[in-house]
Structures are given as C-alpha cells and as structure tokens.
Amino acid sequence: MFSLTRYLLRKGDAARDARDWPAAQRAYSRALRLNPSLAYIWVQYGHALSETDNYLMQPLRLERVQHKLEEILRTFPGKVHVSVPVTTRNRDEAGAIRDWFMERGARLVVFDPISSRCAEDRTLFGSLALNPHPIRCSPVIMDDLIVDCDGQVLICCLDFRRVEGIGSLATHSFADILVGVHRETTRKLLAENCHEELATCRSCYADLRGEFVPACN
C-alpha cells in the first residue's frame, strides 16, 4: 500500500544525502504535517531548516558585503537610506545595526517587517517571523497591475508562482484586460473580504510594522 508519509521521508532523505537542503526541508515539513509524532524526523527537519537558512543567506553574509556597504556610505555621505528586514535572528541587534550605519554617514535607517511572499510552505518564514498576521489587501490594489516579462498580467507583485493571472498581453489588449471579467471578479472578492478564495491572498502573511518591528530612526 502506498504511504505518502513514507514517500516524503524517502524523498527528504535523498535530498539530505544530496545536500539539497531546501528540498529536504520541504519534504520533511510535509511529512510532519501528516504525522507530527515522528520525533526523529523533527531532528532531521530542524537540521535541514538550519542548512536551508545558511544556503539562502550565504551570498549576503556580512563579511561578503561589508566592504561594499562602506564604499557606498563613503561615496554618498548623508544620502543613503538603509532598509533592514527584521527577523528573529537580528531583532536584538537592531540598535547596533542602526548605530553602525548612522556612524558611517547614513541618512536614515528603516526596519522593515518580513513577508511570507505568498509561499505555500511557510515553515522557513515561520521560523524567522516575529508575530505574523494574515495580510488582506483592499480592492485598491487592483488599480496597480503587474505585467511580467512574457506579458502575463498579475494582480500581486508577490505572486511568483503566477497563479492569479487576469490575462495576457500576448492574447489580449491591455484595454480588454482592464475591463475584463477576471479583474472585476477579483476586485469584488477583495471588496467582500473573500481573500480565502484567492490562492495568493490566503497564503499571504507578514509581520506588522510597529508591533514588534522597531521604529524608523
């Protein structure tokens, strides 16, 4: 008999052995949602999650970018605005981060909340977020449409999977898309607070500025 949990564990183990940590993390996460009692898999999952974070953040390690930051601050004294995403990993260092930039001539340091970016698997996001809330946009967002490189028209800039398309410039004029039924239907759903009916909206979570995220400098 086919067991989805067993299949996911084998998939996670294979990804772990190949050191494909994001794939291992996703497989173990799905297995644990099906069977949370797998204590030994929680250990494997925790390790994969840690390695995934290391993998994703490696290009942005401070030692790799510090010299470039200092060069920018020297070149544009009093003109640089700095945005710092705040997570569970750096919140306690917010004051020191702000001081570092201001001492080197930054004009402003802003601390920004992080978003799940409409991801279906929010495990990694959940480990970094401070106190995430569902984000429910108003119909006003339908006034700003996103056109992807191939002409696909989307309602949300975080719809990286492109699941909420309302048309394509490859097959329709922009005017037709603006007055089309897909756009008006989506606007109506947002106005009626039916966000759960939209795949991107029901997956959209973020921390809120001012709750746990430090204020701007």
C-alpha atoms as a PDB file:
ATOM      1  CA  MET A   1       0.000   0.000   0.000  1.00  0.00           C
ATOM      2  CA  PHE A   2       1.323   3.455  -0.912  1.00  0.00           C
ATOM      3  CA  SER A   3       2.201   5.658   2.056  1.00  0.00           C
ATOM      4  CA  LEU A   4       2.571   9.369   1.335  1.00  0.00           C
ATOM      5  CA  THR A   5       4.421   9.910   4.605  1.00  0.00           C
ATOM      6  CA  ARG A   6       6.935   7.161   3.813  1.00  0.00           C
ATOM      7  CA  TYR A   7       7.367   8.538   0.294  1.00  0.00           C
ATOM      8  CA  LEU A   8       8.061  12.032   1.645  1.00  0.00           C
ATOM      9  CA  LEU A   9      10.567  10.694   4.171  1.00  0.00           C
ATOM     10  CA  ARG A  10      12.461   8.846   1.440  1.00  0.00           C
ATOM     11  CA  LYS A  11      12.360  11.995  -0.678  1.00  0.00           C
ATOM     12  CA  GLY A  12      13.663  14.054   2.241  1.00  0.00           C
ATOM     13  CA  ASP A  13      16.434  11.564   2.980  1.00  0.00           C
ATOM     14  CA  ALA A  14      17.527  11.536  -0.663  1.00  0.00           C
ATOM     15  CA  ALA A  15      17.625  15.323  -0.754  1.00  0.00           C
ATOM     16  CA  ARG A  16      19.545  15.398   2.541  1.00  0.00           C
ATOM     17  CA  ASP A  17      22.120  12.949   1.216  1.00  0.00           C
ATOM     18  CA  ALA A  18      22.481  15.118  -1.886  1.00  0.00           C
ATOM     19  CA  ARG A  19      22.796  18.176   0.390  1.00  0.00           C
ATOM     20  CA  ASP A  20      19.808  19.750  -1.304  1.00  0.00           C
ATOM     21  CA  TRP A  21      18.663  21.322   1.947  1.00  0.00           C
ATOM     22  CA  PRO A  22      15.667  23.345   0.644  1.00  0.00           C
ATOM     23  CA  ALA A  23      14.203  20.177  -0.936  1.00  0.00           C
ATOM     24  CA  ALA A  24      14.884  18.150   2.231  1.00  0.00           C
ATOM     25  CA  GLN A  25      13.239  20.815   4.384  1.00  0.00           C
ATOM     26  CA  ARG A  26      10.118  20.848   2.199  1.00  0.00           C
ATOM     27  CA  ALA A  27       9.776  17.066   2.161  1.00  0.00           C
ATOM     28  CA  TYR A  28      10.256  16.666   5.928  1.00  0.00           C
ATOM     29  CA  SER A  29       7.839  19.542   6.562  1.00  0.00           C
ATOM     30  CA  ARG A  30       5.094  17.860   4.538  1.00  0.00           C
ATOM     31  CA  ALA A  31       5.725  14.533   6.247  1.00  0.00           C
ATOM     32  CA  LEU A  32       5.477  16.101   9.691  1.00  0.00           C
ATOM     33  CA  ARG A  33       2.213  17.793   8.816  1.00  0.00           C
ATOM     34  CA  LEU A  34       0.835  14.347   8.010  1.00  0.00           C
ATOM     35  CA  ASN A  35       2.342  12.713  11.096  1.00  0.00           C
ATOM     36  CA  PRO A  36       3.649  15.102  13.793  1.00  0.00           C
ATOM     37  CA  SER A  37       4.552  12.197  16.098  1.00  0.00           C
ATOM     38  CA  LEU A  38       7.705  11.334  14.108  1.00  0.00           C
ATOM     39  CA  ALA A  39      10.120  12.591  16.767  1.00  0.00           C
ATOM     40  CA  TYR A  40      13.287  11.566  14.933  1.00  0.00           C
ATOM     41  CA  ILE A  41      12.165  13.422  11.808  1.00  0.00           C
ATOM     42  CA  TRP A  42      11.810  16.647  13.800  1.00  0.00           C
ATOM     43  CA  VAL A  43      15.575  16.419  14.376  1.00  0.00           C
ATOM     44  CA  GLN A  44      16.232  15.889  10.663  1.00  0.00           C
ATOM     45  CA  TYR A  45      13.836  18.681   9.807  1.00  0.00           C
ATOM     46  CA  GLY A  46      15.493  21.121  12.219  1.00  0.00           C
ATOM     47  CA  HIS A  47      18.888  20.390  10.688  1.00  0.00           C
ATOM     48  CA  ALA A  48      17.554  20.834   7.138  1.00  0.00           C
ATOM     49  CA  LEU A  49      15.920  24.126   8.154  1.00  0.00           C
ATOM     50  CA  SER A  50      19.181  25.434   9.582  1.00  0.00           C
ATOM     51  CA  GLU A  51      21.133  24.398   6.497  1.00  0.00           C
ATOM     52  CA  THR A  52      18.490  25.965   4.239  1.00  0.00           C
ATOM     53  CA  ASP A  53      18.903  29.274   6.033  1.00  0.00           C
ATOM     54  CA  ASN A  54      22.681  29.055   5.642  1.00  0.00           C
ATOM     55  CA  TYR A  55      22.283  28.245   1.949  1.00  0.00           C
ATOM     56  CA  LEU A  56      19.899  31.122   1.240  1.00  0.00           C
ATOM     57  CA  MET A  57      21.831  33.728   3.179  1.00  0.00           C
ATOM     58  CA  GLN A  58      25.359  32.791   2.134  1.00  0.00           C
ATOM     59  CA  PRO A  59      25.672  35.460  -0.597  1.00  0.00           C
ATOM     60  CA  LEU A  60      24.529  38.127   1.874  1.00  0.00           C
ATOM     61  CA  ARG A  61      26.857  37.313   4.766  1.00  0.00           C
ATOM     62  CA  LEU A  62      28.218  40.482   6.326  1.00  0.00           C
ATOM     63  CA  GLU A  63      31.823  39.619   5.565  1.00  0.00           C
ATOM     64  CA  ARG A  64      30.932  39.395   1.856  1.00  0.00           C
ATOM     65  CA  VAL A  65      29.142  42.743   1.576  1.00  0.00           C
ATOM     66  CA  GLN A  66      30.587  44.937   4.333  1.00  0.00           C
ATOM     67  CA  HIS A  67      33.300  46.475   2.154  1.00  0.00           C
ATOM     68  CA  LYS A  68      30.706  47.399  -0.484  1.00  0.00           C
ATOM     69  CA  LEU A  69      28.397  48.939   2.125  1.00  0.00           C
ATOM     70  CA  GLU A  70      31.229  51.057   3.495  1.00  0.00           C
ATOM     71  CA  GLU A  71      32.170  52.153  -0.033  1.00  0.00           C
ATOM     72  CA  ILE A  72      28.604  53.259  -0.780  1.00  0.00           C
ATOM     73  CA  LEU A  73      28.345  55.168   2.505  1.00  0.00           C
ATOM     74  CA  ARG A  74      31.669  56.949   1.830  1.00  0.00           C
ATOM     75  CA  THR A  75      30.681  57.833  -1.729  1.00  0.00           C
ATOM     76  CA  PHE A  76      27.254  59.247  -0.807  1.00  0.00           C
ATOM     77  CA  PRO A  77      27.581  60.768   2.688  1.00  0.00           C
ATOM     78  CA  GLY A  78      24.281  61.825   4.205  1.00  0.00           C
ATOM     79  CA  LYS A  79      22.290  60.486   1.248  1.00  0.00           C
ATOM     80  CA  VAL A  80      21.918  56.749   1.866  1.00  0.00           C
ATOM     81  CA  HIS A  81      18.597  55.351   3.111  1.00  0.00           C
ATOM     82  CA  VAL A  82      19.014  51.858   4.597  1.00  0.00           C
ATOM     83  CA  SER A  83      16.267  49.236   4.809  1.00  0.00           C
ATOM     84  CA  VAL A  84      16.829  46.352   7.241  1.00  0.00           C
ATOM     85  CA  PRO A  85      14.414  43.381   7.286  1.00  0.00           C
ATOM     86  CA  VAL A  86      13.808  42.353  10.895  1.00  0.00           C
ATOM     87  CA  THR A  87      13.619  38.680  11.888  1.00  0.00           C
ATOM     88  CA  THR A  88      14.010  36.539  14.980  1.00  0.00           C
ATOM     89  CA  ARG A  89      17.694  36.295  14.060  1.00  0.00           C
ATOM     90  CA  ASN A  90      18.551  40.006  14.204  1.00  0.00           C
ATOM     91  CA  ARG A  91      15.866  41.812  16.203  1.00  0.00           C
ATOM     92  CA  ASP A  92      18.021  42.019  19.328  1.00  0.00           C
ATOM     93  CA  GLU A  93      20.782  43.605  17.243  1.00  0.00           C
ATOM     94  CA  ALA A  94      18.580  46.330  15.733  1.00  0.00           C
ATOM     95  CA  GLY A  95      20.125  49.094  17.831  1.00  0.00           C
ATOM     96  CA  ALA A  96      23.672  48.078  16.948  1.00  0.00           C
ATOM     97  CA  ILE A  97      22.748  47.790  13.255  1.00  0.00           C
ATOM     98  CA  ARG A  98      21.260  51.285  13.256  1.00  0.00           C
ATOM     99  CA  ASP A  99      24.315  52.735  15.033  1.00  0.00           C
ATOM    100  CA  TRP A 100      26.716  51.084  12.570  1.00  0.00           C
ATOM    101  CA  PHE A 101      25.062  52.704   9.561  1.00  0.00           C
ATOM    102  CA  MET A 102      24.453  56.102  11.162  1.00  0.00           C
ATOM    103  CA  GLU A 103      28.062  56.358  12.379  1.00  0.00           C
ATOM    104  CA  ARG A 104      29.201  55.844   8.789  1.00  0.00           C
ATOM    105  CA  GLY A 105      27.030  58.598   7.359  1.00  0.00           C
ATOM    106  CA  ALA A 106      23.671  57.019   6.517  1.00  0.00           C
ATOM    107  CA  ARG A 107      20.810  59.484   6.364  1.00  0.00           C
ATOM    108  CA  LEU A 108      18.081  57.096   7.539  1.00  0.00           C
ATOM    109  CA  VAL A 109      17.786  53.516   8.790  1.00  0.00           C
ATOM    110  CA  VAL A 110      14.383  51.848   8.380  1.00  0.00           C
ATOM    111  CA  PHE A 111      13.461  48.481   9.912  1.00  0.00           C
ATOM    112  CA  ASP A 112      11.001  46.553   7.742  1.00  0.00           C
ATOM    113  CA  PRO A 113       8.777  43.583   8.574  1.00  0.00           C
ATOM    114  CA  ILE A 114       9.191  40.418   6.522  1.00  0.00           C
ATOM    115  CA  SER A 115       6.545  38.737   4.388  1.00  0.00           C
ATOM    116  CA  SER A 116       5.842  35.114   3.500  1.00  0.00           C
ATOM    117  CA  ARG A 117       5.770  36.244  -0.150  1.00  0.00           C
ATOM    118  CA  CYS A 118       2.652  34.114  -0.653  1.00  0.00           C
ATOM    119  CA  ALA A 119       4.606  30.864  -0.220  1.00  0.00           C
ATOM    120  CA  GLU A 120       2.539  27.707   0.304  1.00  0.00           C
ATOM    121  CA  ASP A 121       5.116  26.278   2.703  1.00  0.00           C
ATOM    122  CA  ARG A 122       5.606  28.916   5.394  1.00  0.00           C
ATOM    123  CA  THR A 123       7.889  26.819   7.584  1.00  0.00           C
ATOM    124  CA  LEU A 124      11.049  28.823   6.974  1.00  0.00           C
ATOM    125  CA  PHE A 125       9.127  32.092   7.134  1.00  0.00           C
ATOM    126  CA  GLY A 126       7.555  30.974  10.419  1.00  0.00           C
ATOM    127  CA  SER A 127      10.979  30.410  11.964  1.00  0.00           C
ATOM    128  CA  LEU A 128      12.066  33.956  11.046  1.00  0.00           C
ATOM    129  CA  ALA A 129       8.864  35.968  11.538  1.00  0.00           C
ATOM    130  CA  LEU A 130       8.187  37.761  14.821  1.00  0.00           C
ATOM    131  CA  ASN A 131       4.389  37.602  15.006  1.00  0.00           C
ATOM    132  CA  PRO A 132       2.930  37.155  11.522  1.00  0.00           C
ATOM    133  CA  HIS A 133      -0.602  38.168  10.605  1.00  0.00           C
ATOM    134  CA  PRO A 134      -2.663  37.384   7.503  1.00  0.00           C
ATOM    135  CA  ILE A 135      -2.424  40.287   5.067  1.00  0.00           C
ATOM    136  CA  ARG A 136      -5.728  41.239   3.498  1.00  0.00           C
ATOM    137  CA  CYS A 137      -5.386  43.903   0.820  1.00  0.00           C
ATOM    138  CA  SER A 138      -8.232  46.182  -0.192  1.00  0.00           C
ATOM    139  CA  PRO A 139      -9.645  46.373  -3.737  1.00  0.00           C
ATOM    140  CA  VAL A 140      -7.406  49.400  -4.304  1.00  0.00           C
ATOM    141  CA  ILE A 141      -4.566  47.048  -5.273  1.00  0.00           C
ATOM    142  CA  MET A 142      -6.484  46.290  -8.475  1.00  0.00           C
ATOM    143  CA  ASP A 143      -5.590  49.793  -9.645  1.00  0.00           C
ATOM    144  CA  ASP A 144      -1.940  48.682  -9.948  1.00  0.00           C
ATOM    145  CA  LEU A 145      -1.349  45.667 -12.169  1.00  0.00           C
ATOM    146  CA  ILE A 146       1.890  43.757 -12.672  1.00  0.00           C
ATOM    147  CA  VAL A 147       2.996  42.825 -16.186  1.00  0.00           C
ATOM    148  CA  ASP A 148       5.539  40.006 -16.301  1.00  0.00           C
ATOM    149  CA  CYS A 149       8.268  39.683 -18.927  1.00  0.00           C
ATOM    150  CA  ASP A 150       6.132  37.423 -21.150  1.00  0.00           C
ATOM    151  CA  GLY A 151       3.068  39.670 -20.994  1.00  0.00           C
ATOM    152  CA  GLN A 152       1.244  37.807 -18.236  1.00  0.00           C
ATOM    153  CA  VAL A 153      -0.799  40.299 -16.171  1.00  0.00           C
ATOM    154  CA  LEU A 154      -0.984  39.629 -12.411  1.00  0.00           C
ATOM    155  CA  ILE A 155      -2.724  41.325  -9.513  1.00  0.00           C
ATOM    156  CA  CYS A 156       0.065  40.919  -6.960  1.00  0.00           C
ATOM    157  CA  CYS A 157       3.817  41.538  -7.118  1.00  0.00           C
ATOM    158  CA  LEU A 158       4.327  38.631  -4.688  1.00  0.00           C
ATOM    159  CA  ASP A 159       2.624  36.105  -6.970  1.00  0.00           C
ATOM    160  CA  PHE A 160       5.889  34.484  -8.027  1.00  0.00           C
ATOM    161  CA  ARG A 161       4.063  31.271  -8.973  1.00  0.00           C
ATOM    162  CA  ARG A 162       1.765  33.322 -11.240  1.00  0.00           C
ATOM    163  CA  VAL A 163      -1.425  31.596 -10.111  1.00  0.00           C
ATOM    164  CA  GLU A 164      -3.649  34.703 -10.121  1.00  0.00           C
ATOM    165  CA  GLY A 165      -3.245  35.905 -13.672  1.00  0.00           C
ATOM    166  CA  ILE A 166      -6.050  38.030 -15.099  1.00  0.00           C
ATOM    167  CA  GLY A 167      -4.937  37.968 -18.723  1.00  0.00           C
ATOM    168  CA  SER A 168      -2.011  38.099 -21.090  1.00  0.00           C
ATOM    169  CA  LEU A 169      -0.856  40.832 -23.452  1.00  0.00           C
ATOM    170  CA  ALA A 170       0.144  38.049 -25.819  1.00  0.00           C
ATOM    171  CA  THR A 171      -3.526  37.329 -26.488  1.00  0.00           C
ATOM    172  CA  HIS A 172      -5.464  40.419 -25.351  1.00  0.00           C
ATOM    173  CA  SER A 173      -5.080  44.178 -25.453  1.00  0.00           C
ATOM    174  CA  PHE A 174      -4.335  45.981 -22.223  1.00  0.00           C
ATOM    175  CA  ALA A 175      -7.650  47.814 -22.518  1.00  0.00           C
ATOM    176  CA  ASP A 176      -9.508  44.487 -22.714  1.00  0.00           C
ATOM    177  CA  ILE A 177      -7.719  43.227 -19.595  1.00  0.00           C
ATOM    178  CA  LEU A 178      -8.560  46.420 -17.686  1.00  0.00           C
ATOM    179  CA  VAL A 179     -12.294  45.987 -18.294  1.00  0.00           C
ATOM    180  CA  GLY A 180     -12.207  42.188 -18.311  1.00  0.00           C
ATOM    181  CA  VAL A 181     -14.280  39.906 -16.116  1.00  0.00           C
ATOM    182  CA  HIS A 182     -11.233  38.470 -14.289  1.00  0.00           C
ATOM    183  CA  ARG A 183     -10.165  41.846 -12.959  1.00  0.00           C
ATOM    184  CA  GLU A 184     -13.664  42.834 -11.871  1.00  0.00           C
ATOM    185  CA  THR A 185     -14.276  39.432 -10.250  1.00  0.00           C
ATOM    186  CA  THR A 186     -11.075  39.742  -8.237  1.00  0.00           C
ATOM    187  CA  ARG A 187     -11.909  43.294  -7.188  1.00  0.00           C
ATOM    188  CA  LYS A 188     -15.326  42.084  -5.980  1.00  0.00           C
ATOM    189  CA  LEU A 189     -13.773  39.237  -3.949  1.00  0.00           C
ATOM    190  CA  LEU A 190     -11.420  41.667  -2.216  1.00  0.00           C
ATOM    191  CA  ALA A 191     -14.236  44.130  -1.524  1.00  0.00           C
ATOM    192  CA  GLU A 192     -16.285  41.330   0.085  1.00  0.00           C
ATOM    193  CA  ASN A 193     -13.295  40.120   2.175  1.00  0.00           C
ATOM    194  CA  CYS A 194     -13.282  36.784   0.352  1.00  0.00           C
ATOM    195  CA  HIS A 195      -9.490  36.615   0.318  1.00  0.00           C
ATOM    196  CA  GLU A 196      -9.500  32.888   1.092  1.00  0.00           C
ATOM    197  CA  GLU A 197     -10.832  32.276  -2.411  1.00  0.00           C
ATOM    198  CA  LEU A 198      -7.625  33.669  -3.922  1.00  0.00           C
ATOM    199  CA  ALA A 199      -4.569  31.405  -3.711  1.00  0.00           C
ATOM    200  CA  THR A 200      -2.067  34.224  -3.273  1.00  0.00           C
ATOM    201  CA  CYS A 201      -4.145  36.044  -0.642  1.00  0.00           C
ATOM    202  CA  ARG A 202      -4.775  33.034   1.574  1.00  0.00           C
ATOM    203  CA  SER A 203      -1.024  32.348   1.625  1.00  0.00           C
ATOM    204  CA  CYS A 204      -0.027  35.950   2.381  1.00  0.00           C
ATOM    205  CA  TYR A 205       1.304  36.595   5.892  1.00  0.00           C
ATOM    206  CA  ALA A 206       3.647  39.218   7.290  1.00  0.00           C
ATOM    207  CA  ASP A 207       4.842  40.890  10.455  1.00  0.00           C
ATOM    208  CA  LEU A 208       3.329  44.303  11.159  1.00  0.00           C
ATOM    209  CA  ARG A 209       5.368  47.469  11.458  1.00  0.00           C
ATOM    210  CA  GLY A 210       5.190  48.988  14.927  1.00  0.00           C
ATOM    211  CA  GLU A 211       4.139  45.804  16.716  1.00  0.00           C
ATOM    212  CA  PHE A 212       7.475  44.052  17.178  1.00  0.00           C
ATOM    213  CA  VAL A 213       9.405  45.742  14.374  1.00  0.00           C
ATOM    214  CA  PRO A 214      11.479  48.703  15.657  1.00  0.00           C
ATOM    215  CA  ALA A 215      10.512  52.201  14.595  1.00  0.00           C
ATOM    216  CA  CYS A 216      12.485  54.123  11.962  1.00  0.00           C
ATOM    217  CA  ASN A 217      15.466  56.191  13.004  1.00  0.00           C
END
